[in-house]
Protein backbone atom coordinates (compact mmCIF):
# COMPACT_ATOMS: atom_id res chain seq x y z
CA UNK A 1 31.47 -51.87 -16.82
CA UNK A 2 31.25 -48.15 -15.95
CA UNK A 3 27.79 -47.44 -14.49
CA UNK A 4 27.61 -44.06 -16.28
CA UNK A 5 27.97 -45.77 -19.66
CA UNK A 6 25.25 -48.38 -19.03
CA UNK A 7 21.95 -47.95 -20.83
CA UNK A 8 19.74 -49.65 -18.24
CA UNK A 9 16.60 -49.46 -20.39
CA UNK A 10 18.41 -51.42 -23.09
CA UNK A 11 19.92 -53.85 -20.57
CA UNK A 12 16.49 -54.51 -19.01
CA UNK A 13 15.00 -55.19 -22.45
CA UNK A 14 17.86 -57.59 -23.26
CA UNK A 15 17.47 -59.32 -19.89
CA UNK A 16 13.71 -59.81 -20.44
CA UNK A 17 14.37 -61.27 -23.90
CA UNK A 18 17.06 -63.60 -22.56
CA UNK A 19 14.75 -65.53 -20.24
CA UNK A 20 17.51 -65.72 -17.64
CA UNK A 21 17.22 -64.84 -13.99
CA UNK A 22 18.35 -61.35 -13.04
CA UNK A 23 21.30 -62.74 -11.10
CA UNK A 24 22.50 -64.89 -14.00
CA UNK A 25 22.11 -62.06 -16.50
CA UNK A 26 23.97 -59.58 -14.28
CA UNK A 27 26.81 -62.03 -13.71
CA UNK A 28 27.09 -62.78 -17.42
CA UNK A 29 27.05 -59.07 -18.37
CA UNK A 30 29.26 -57.88 -15.49
CA UNK A 31 26.50 -55.71 -14.04
CA UNK A 32 25.98 -54.89 -10.38
CA UNK A 33 22.94 -56.95 -9.34
CA UNK A 34 21.61 -54.41 -6.82
CA UNK A 35 21.95 -51.49 -9.23
CA UNK A 36 20.23 -53.53 -11.94
CA UNK A 37 17.28 -54.50 -9.70
CA UNK A 38 16.93 -50.84 -8.68
CA UNK A 39 16.58 -49.82 -12.34
CA UNK A 40 14.20 -52.70 -13.11
CA UNK A 41 11.90 -51.66 -10.25
CA UNK A 42 12.17 -47.99 -11.26
CA UNK A 43 11.14 -48.84 -14.82
CA UNK A 44 8.25 -51.03 -13.65
CA UNK A 45 7.00 -48.15 -11.53
CA UNK A 46 7.11 -45.84 -14.55
CA UNK A 47 5.27 -48.42 -16.68
CA UNK A 48 2.48 -48.92 -14.15
CA UNK A 49 2.25 -45.22 -13.37
CA UNK A 50 3.24 -43.41 -10.22
CA UNK A 51 -0.40 -42.98 -9.21
CA UNK A 52 -0.81 -46.43 -7.71
CA UNK A 53 -3.67 -46.64 -5.27
CA UNK A 54 -3.04 -46.87 -1.58
CA UNK A 55 -3.53 -50.19 0.15
CA UNK A 56 -5.01 -48.47 3.17
CA UNK A 57 -8.73 -48.08 3.61
CA UNK A 58 -10.15 -45.21 5.61
CA UNK A 59 -12.62 -46.30 8.25
CA UNK A 60 -15.30 -43.95 9.47
CA UNK A 61 -15.35 -44.46 13.22
CA UNK A 62 -18.16 -43.06 15.31
CA UNK A 63 -17.44 -41.32 18.60
CA UNK A 64 -16.27 -43.73 21.27
CA UNK A 65 -19.12 -44.95 23.42
CA UNK A 66 -19.09 -47.07 26.50
CA UNK A 67 -21.19 -49.76 24.86
CA UNK A 68 -19.33 -51.80 22.29
CA UNK A 69 -16.67 -54.42 21.81
CA UNK A 70 -13.04 -53.39 22.13
CA UNK A 71 -10.31 -55.47 20.48
CA UNK A 72 -6.83 -54.64 21.80
CA UNK A 73 -3.50 -55.53 20.16
CA UNK A 74 -0.21 -56.10 21.95
CA UNK A 75 1.29 -52.93 20.48
CA UNK A 76 -1.31 -50.73 22.15
CA UNK A 77 -3.61 -50.22 19.17
CA UNK A 78 -7.24 -51.17 19.45
CA UNK A 79 -10.55 -51.25 17.60
CA UNK A 80 -13.94 -50.43 19.06
CA UNK A 81 -16.86 -52.16 17.37
CA UNK A 82 -20.51 -51.22 17.89
CA UNK A 83 -22.43 -53.43 20.32
CA UNK A 84 -24.55 -54.89 17.51
CA UNK A 85 -21.51 -56.09 15.51
CA UNK A 86 -21.38 -59.84 14.94
CA UNK A 87 -18.42 -61.86 16.19
CA UNK A 88 -17.94 -63.29 12.67
CA UNK A 89 -17.53 -59.77 11.26
CA UNK A 90 -15.01 -58.84 13.95
CA UNK A 91 -13.02 -62.04 13.37
CA UNK A 92 -12.94 -61.40 9.61
CA UNK A 93 -11.64 -57.87 10.15
CA UNK A 94 -8.96 -58.53 12.75
CA UNK A 95 -8.15 -62.18 12.13
């Protein structure tokens, strides 16, 4: 099937109605699986809106002081926790 002549919105709707897996539907219809999954993900992104929230949370970190608990990772990154921070809190954040 020529990719320029494929109406992916229609094909996605037909696939959803079929109840088949994407791979089975693509094989049956002669569609390229990777191109089809690209269009499915593109359409899902449009449906949910392109303004999805970030999964990162900004932490407000006070100036580094000499008193505190430092937690170092193998990749060179580290956290500095205030001296009054509980071990349970630190474990829940980095564990």
